[in-house]
Amino acid sequence: MQPSWRRIVIIAAAAAVAATASAYTASASATQARASAQVVDKTYSCRVWRQHPFYFGTQVRLPATASGGAQPGLASVTTAHNHAFQVVFKDVKNSLKVDRLVCSPSTRRVALKPGGLALYQTVTPHFVGHLNGNCPTHVKRVLVHFRVTMTNGTPERALFAVRKGDAKAKPLAFFKWSPDKISGYLAKNCTAY
């Protein structure tokens, strides 16, 4: 029995409908996945303790070793004398924190770009793993601007910039952060360790 052209057309049409339906379903689930993403974009003006440097600490996600368990990726800024974090987040759910006793919201514009700073280093789980240090400020306040993209409350990537809090707002540091890769741009007088 030879297939009729009508049957071939019906089968082809059914296949096209099935392909369209599965494409729509894939598109809808991708939209739902993106809907759980959240972007937190804030600028804070943080007091610097007696014009000392501000400290930065960044780390990629590190696997468990014989001497210890796995460590989450993180980023932090410390400006106060007690060395508590004024801004910190990890690749852990609900970890973004700002010390509102030291930092207050600011409406000043701070670009999320290196702003003339040189790339100091890019770290990964297989190369160094962290970038920590400090930068002299010689001002009473610094501006910290961050844009953290999260999925279900867990930071996945971020940009953050630290600038002097005076009228010129000179750049001090800028970071592109993810749990697997961090690029740090630092002013010449910053020290990394």
Protein backbone atom coordinates (compact mmCIF):
# COMPACT_ATOMS: atom_id res chain seq x y z
CA MET A 1 0.00 0.00 0.00
CA GLN A 2 1.52 3.31 -1.07
CA PRO A 3 1.25 6.27 1.29
CA SER A 4 -1.00 8.98 -0.02
CA TRP A 5 0.17 12.58 -0.22
CA ARG A 6 -2.62 13.52 2.15
CA ARG A 7 -1.20 11.25 4.91
CA ILE A 8 2.31 12.68 4.40
CA VAL A 9 1.00 16.24 4.66
CA ILE A 10 -0.97 15.40 7.86
CA ILE A 11 2.05 13.70 9.45
CA ALA A 12 4.32 16.63 8.52
CA ALA A 13 1.79 19.12 9.93
CA ALA A 14 1.52 17.14 13.19
CA ALA A 15 5.33 17.10 13.51
CA ALA A 16 5.45 20.87 12.96
CA VAL A 17 2.77 21.42 15.65
CA ALA A 18 4.70 19.20 18.10
CA ALA A 19 7.96 21.03 17.38
CA THR A 20 6.27 24.41 17.86
CA ALA A 21 4.67 23.27 21.14
CA SER A 22 7.97 21.98 22.52
CA ALA A 23 9.75 25.19 21.44
CA TYR A 24 7.06 27.23 23.22
CA THR A 25 7.43 25.07 26.35
CA ALA A 26 11.22 25.52 26.32
CA SER A 27 10.78 29.27 25.86
CA ALA A 28 8.28 29.45 28.71
CA SER A 29 10.55 27.55 31.10
CA ALA A 30 13.48 29.78 30.15
CA THR A 31 11.30 32.81 30.94
CA GLN A 32 10.35 31.27 34.29
CA ALA A 33 14.03 30.63 35.10
CA ARG A 34 14.88 34.25 34.31
CA ALA A 35 11.93 35.44 36.39
CA SER A 36 13.64 34.07 39.53
CA ALA A 37 16.73 36.21 38.78
CA GLN A 38 17.06 39.40 40.79
CA VAL A 39 19.45 42.33 40.37
CA VAL A 40 20.39 44.47 43.36
CA ASP A 41 22.00 47.72 42.24
CA LYS A 42 22.92 50.06 45.14
CA THR A 43 25.42 52.75 46.09
CA TYR A 44 26.48 53.40 49.68
CA SER A 45 28.63 56.03 51.31
CA CYS A 46 30.71 54.31 54.01
CA ARG A 47 32.72 55.97 56.77
CA VAL A 48 36.44 55.22 56.73
CA TRP A 49 38.00 54.86 60.17
CA ARG A 50 40.40 57.77 60.74
CA GLN A 51 41.24 57.94 57.03
CA HIS A 52 42.82 54.50 57.12
CA PRO A 53 42.70 52.30 54.03
CA PHE A 54 39.66 50.34 53.06
CA TYR A 55 40.18 46.59 52.77
CA PHE A 56 38.85 44.34 50.04
CA GLY A 57 38.54 40.59 50.06
CA THR A 58 37.46 38.46 47.13
CA GLN A 59 37.54 34.73 46.62
CA VAL A 60 36.31 32.25 44.03
CA ARG A 61 34.52 29.08 45.09
CA LEU A 62 37.15 26.63 46.30
CA PRO A 63 36.63 22.86 46.44
CA ALA A 64 37.08 20.79 49.56
CA THR A 65 40.67 19.81 50.37
CA ALA A 66 42.25 17.31 52.75
CA SER A 67 42.66 20.11 55.30
CA GLY A 68 39.21 21.65 55.01
CA GLY A 69 35.76 21.75 53.45
CA ALA A 70 34.61 23.61 50.37
CA GLN A 71 34.65 27.40 50.61
CA PRO A 72 32.11 29.66 48.92
CA GLY A 73 33.06 32.47 46.57
CA LEU A 74 32.78 35.85 48.26
CA ALA A 75 33.45 39.57 47.99
CA SER A 76 33.78 42.06 50.84
CA VAL A 77 34.66 45.66 51.62
CA THR A 78 35.80 46.74 55.09
CA THR A 79 36.14 50.40 56.05
CA ALA A 80 35.64 50.42 59.82
CA HIS A 81 38.21 49.86 62.54
CA ASN A 82 36.65 46.64 63.84
CA HIS A 83 37.41 44.81 60.56
CA ALA A 84 33.80 43.67 60.25
CA PHE A 85 32.54 43.65 56.68
CA GLN A 86 30.65 46.76 55.65
CA VAL A 87 29.54 45.12 52.38
CA VAL A 88 29.73 41.36 51.84
CA PHE A 89 28.15 38.67 49.71
CA LYS A 90 28.90 35.01 49.01
CA ASP A 91 27.58 32.50 46.51
CA VAL A 92 25.21 31.40 49.28
CA LYS A 93 21.50 32.19 49.47
CA ASN A 94 20.57 35.48 51.21
CA SER A 95 24.21 36.39 51.92
CA LEU A 96 24.24 40.02 50.67
CA LYS A 97 24.74 42.26 53.73
CA VAL A 98 25.45 45.97 54.22
CA ASP A 99 26.48 47.44 57.57
CA ARG A 100 23.95 50.26 57.87
CA LEU A 101 25.68 51.63 61.00
CA VAL A 102 28.72 52.57 58.90
CA CYS A 103 27.25 52.85 55.39
CA SER A 104 24.30 54.96 54.30
CA PRO A 105 22.49 54.86 50.94
CA SER A 106 23.83 57.38 48.43
CA THR A 107 22.35 58.92 45.30
CA ARG A 108 25.79 59.76 43.89
CA ARG A 109 26.55 58.26 40.52
CA VAL A 110 29.42 55.79 40.51
CA ALA A 111 30.19 54.05 37.21
CA LEU A 112 30.52 50.29 37.29
CA LYS A 113 33.65 50.40 35.15
CA PRO A 114 37.39 50.33 35.90
CA GLY A 115 37.51 54.10 35.27
CA GLY A 116 41.18 54.26 34.29
CA LEU A 117 42.32 51.63 36.79
CA ALA A 118 44.73 48.99 35.50
CA LEU A 119 43.83 45.30 35.59
CA TYR A 120 45.76 43.97 38.55
CA GLN A 121 44.94 40.28 38.34
CA THR A 122 42.35 37.71 37.30
CA VAL A 123 41.93 34.76 39.65
CA THR A 124 40.19 31.42 39.18
CA PRO A 125 39.88 28.23 41.26
CA HIS A 126 43.03 27.02 39.49
CA PHE A 127 45.03 30.25 39.73
CA VAL A 128 45.54 31.97 43.12
CA GLY A 129 41.85 31.68 44.10
CA HIS A 130 41.55 35.05 45.86
CA LEU A 131 42.45 38.71 45.61
CA ASN A 132 42.72 40.57 48.92
CA GLY A 133 44.35 43.81 49.97
CA ASN A 134 43.84 47.44 50.86
CA CYS A 135 43.85 50.90 49.33
CA PRO A 136 44.72 54.17 51.11
CA THR A 137 41.83 56.63 51.00
CA HIS A 138 42.92 59.88 52.72
CA VAL A 139 39.22 60.77 52.88
CA LYS A 140 36.53 60.31 55.51
CA ARG A 141 34.17 58.31 53.29
CA VAL A 142 34.25 55.96 50.31
CA LEU A 143 31.50 55.23 47.83
CA VAL A 144 30.71 51.57 47.23
CA HIS A 145 28.52 50.77 44.23
CA PHE A 146 27.56 47.17 43.53
CA ARG A 147 25.31 45.40 41.07
CA VAL A 148 24.73 41.82 42.20
CA THR A 149 22.77 39.40 40.01
CA MET A 150 21.16 36.61 42.01
CA THR A 151 19.08 33.56 41.25
CA ASN A 152 16.71 32.55 44.05
CA GLY A 153 18.67 34.83 46.40
CA THR A 154 22.12 33.37 45.60
CA PRO A 155 24.68 35.79 44.08
CA GLU A 156 25.91 34.54 40.71
CA ARG A 157 27.82 37.52 39.36
CA ALA A 158 28.56 41.07 40.40
CA LEU A 159 30.27 44.29 39.51
CA PHE A 160 31.43 46.54 42.30
CA ALA A 161 33.38 49.74 42.42
CA VAL A 162 34.95 51.67 45.29
CA ARG A 163 35.72 55.36 44.90
CA LYS A 164 36.77 58.17 47.18
CA GLY A 165 33.79 59.86 48.77
CA ASP A 166 35.02 63.41 48.07
CA ALA A 167 33.96 65.69 45.22
CA LYS A 168 36.30 64.10 42.66
CA ALA A 169 35.27 60.51 43.49
CA LYS A 170 38.60 59.13 42.28
CA PRO A 171 38.46 55.37 41.52
CA LEU A 172 40.19 53.09 44.02
CA ALA A 173 39.12 49.60 43.00
CA PHE A 174 36.78 47.79 40.64
CA PHE A 175 35.90 44.08 40.52
CA LYS A 176 34.11 41.77 38.11
CA TRP A 177 33.10 38.88 40.35
CA SER A 178 31.66 35.42 39.85
CA PRO A 179 32.16 32.26 41.92
CA ASP A 180 34.53 30.94 39.21
CA LYS A 181 36.45 34.05 38.13
CA ILE A 182 37.34 37.45 39.56
CA SER A 183 39.08 40.31 37.76
CA GLY A 184 40.38 43.07 39.99
CA TYR A 185 41.37 46.57 38.86
CA LEU A 186 43.29 48.58 41.46
CA ALA A 187 44.70 52.05 41.93
CA LYS A 188 48.51 52.23 41.89
CA ASN A 189 48.77 52.86 45.63
CA CYS A 190 46.68 49.77 46.54
CA THR A 191 48.44 46.77 48.03
CA ALA A 192 47.35 43.19 47.36
CA TYR A 193 48.35 40.22 49.49
